[in-house]
Amino acid sequence: MAQNWLVNFSDKQGNKIAVVQVNCYQAPRAVSIAMGMLKKRDAEKHELVLRQSFSILVEDA
């Protein structure tokens, strides 16, 4: 059964750059889905997340 996941992208100082909620079966897959959602919604934010992300945290929503 699919689950809701929160994918948190943070920079080196620990500041959150983006938080995306994803509904999928596996937590590791949630990161790629979140990146795809960001790219589709806001290409500039997607590029920022790609360049600035230092840590990615996936948690149960």
C-alpha atoms as a PDB file:
ATOM      1  CA  MET A   1       0.000   0.000   0.000  1.00  0.00           C
ATOM      2  CA  ALA A   2       1.299   3.467  -0.884  1.00  0.00           C
ATOM      3  CA  GLN A   3       2.431   5.805   1.868  1.00  0.00           C
ATOM      4  CA  ASN A   4       2.901   9.546   2.192  1.00  0.00           C
ATOM      5  CA  TRP A   5       6.516  10.685   2.576  1.00  0.00           C
ATOM      6  CA  LEU A   6       7.998  14.096   3.293  1.00  0.00           C
ATOM      7  CA  VAL A   7      11.240  14.706   1.423  1.00  0.00           C
ATOM      8  CA  ASN A   8      13.299  17.501   3.050  1.00  0.00           C
ATOM      9  CA  PHE A   9      16.171  19.085   1.121  1.00  0.00           C
ATOM     10  CA  SER A  10      18.637  21.037   3.300  1.00  0.00           C
ATOM     11  CA  ASP A  11      21.787  23.071   2.663  1.00  0.00           C
ATOM     12  CA  LYS A  12      25.121  22.781   4.536  1.00  0.00           C
ATOM     13  CA  GLN A  13      23.907  25.065   7.345  1.00  0.00           C
ATOM     14  CA  GLY A  14      20.835  22.896   7.914  1.00  0.00           C
ATOM     15  CA  ASN A  15      18.387  25.380   6.382  1.00  0.00           C
ATOM     16  CA  LYS A  16      15.530  23.733   4.523  1.00  0.00           C
ATOM     17  CA  ILE A  17      15.552  24.569   0.830  1.00  0.00           C
ATOM     18  CA  ALA A  18      12.435  22.606  -0.105  1.00  0.00           C
ATOM     19  CA  VAL A  19       9.961  20.153   1.383  1.00  0.00           C
ATOM     20  CA  VAL A  20       7.924  17.950  -0.950  1.00  0.00           C
ATOM     21  CA  GLN A  21       5.174  15.497  -0.004  1.00  0.00           C
ATOM     22  CA  VAL A  22       5.162  12.326  -2.113  1.00  0.00           C
ATOM     23  CA  ASN A  23       2.797   9.357  -2.188  1.00  0.00           C
ATOM     24  CA  CYS A  24       4.624   6.154  -3.185  1.00  0.00           C
ATOM     25  CA  TYR A  25       5.441   2.649  -1.990  1.00  0.00           C
ATOM     26  CA  GLN A  26       9.141   2.953  -1.077  1.00  0.00           C
ATOM     27  CA  ALA A  27      11.022   5.745   0.706  1.00  0.00           C
ATOM     28  CA  PRO A  28      14.135   5.568  -1.541  1.00  0.00           C
ATOM     29  CA  ARG A  29      11.966   6.154  -4.607  1.00  0.00           C
ATOM     30  CA  ALA A  30      10.388   9.214  -2.968  1.00  0.00           C
ATOM     31  CA  VAL A  31      13.531  11.302  -3.588  1.00  0.00           C
ATOM     32  CA  SER A  32      13.487  10.827  -7.373  1.00  0.00           C
ATOM     33  CA  ILE A  33       9.733  11.443  -7.498  1.00  0.00           C
ATOM     34  CA  ALA A  34      10.152  14.633  -5.444  1.00  0.00           C
ATOM     35  CA  MET A  35      12.873  15.896  -7.800  1.00  0.00           C
ATOM     36  CA  GLY A  36      10.636  15.192 -10.791  1.00  0.00           C
ATOM     37  CA  MET A  37       7.760  17.052  -9.150  1.00  0.00           C
ATOM     38  CA  LEU A  38      10.006  20.043  -8.437  1.00  0.00           C
ATOM     39  CA  LYS A  39      11.286  20.103 -12.013  1.00  0.00           C
ATOM     40  CA  LYS A  40       7.758  20.032 -13.409  1.00  0.00           C
ATOM     41  CA  ARG A  41       6.410  22.708 -11.041  1.00  0.00           C
ATOM     42  CA  ASP A  42       9.340  25.128 -10.825  1.00  0.00           C
ATOM     43  CA  ALA A  43      12.457  24.609 -12.927  1.00  0.00           C
ATOM     44  CA  GLU A  44      14.397  27.374 -11.125  1.00  0.00           C
ATOM     45  CA  LYS A  45      13.718  25.836  -7.700  1.00  0.00           C
ATOM     46  CA  HIS A  46      14.740  22.441  -9.101  1.00  0.00           C
ATOM     47  CA  GLU A  47      18.120  23.841 -10.195  1.00  0.00           C
ATOM     48  CA  LEU A  48      18.601  25.512  -6.794  1.00  0.00           C
ATOM     49  CA  VAL A  49      17.861  22.246  -4.989  1.00  0.00           C
ATOM     50  CA  LEU A  50      20.294  20.371  -7.255  1.00  0.00           C
ATOM     51  CA  ARG A  51      23.092  22.884  -6.614  1.00  0.00           C
ATOM     52  CA  GLN A  52      22.546  23.663  -2.923  1.00  0.00           C
ATOM     53  CA  SER A  53      21.295  20.410  -1.336  1.00  0.00           C
ATOM     54  CA  PHE A  54      23.669  18.911   1.185  1.00  0.00           C
ATOM     55  CA  SER A  55      21.318  16.493   2.910  1.00  0.00           C
ATOM     56  CA  ILE A  56      18.064  14.813   1.994  1.00  0.00           C
ATOM     57  CA  LEU A  57      15.805  13.462   4.725  1.00  0.00           C
ATOM     58  CA  VAL A  58      12.821  11.241   3.951  1.00  0.00           C
ATOM     59  CA  GLU A  59      10.295  10.838   6.749  1.00  0.00           C
ATOM     60  CA  ASP A  60       6.868   9.300   7.138  1.00  0.00           C
ATOM     61  CA  ALA A  61       4.182  11.962   6.711  1.00  0.00           C
END
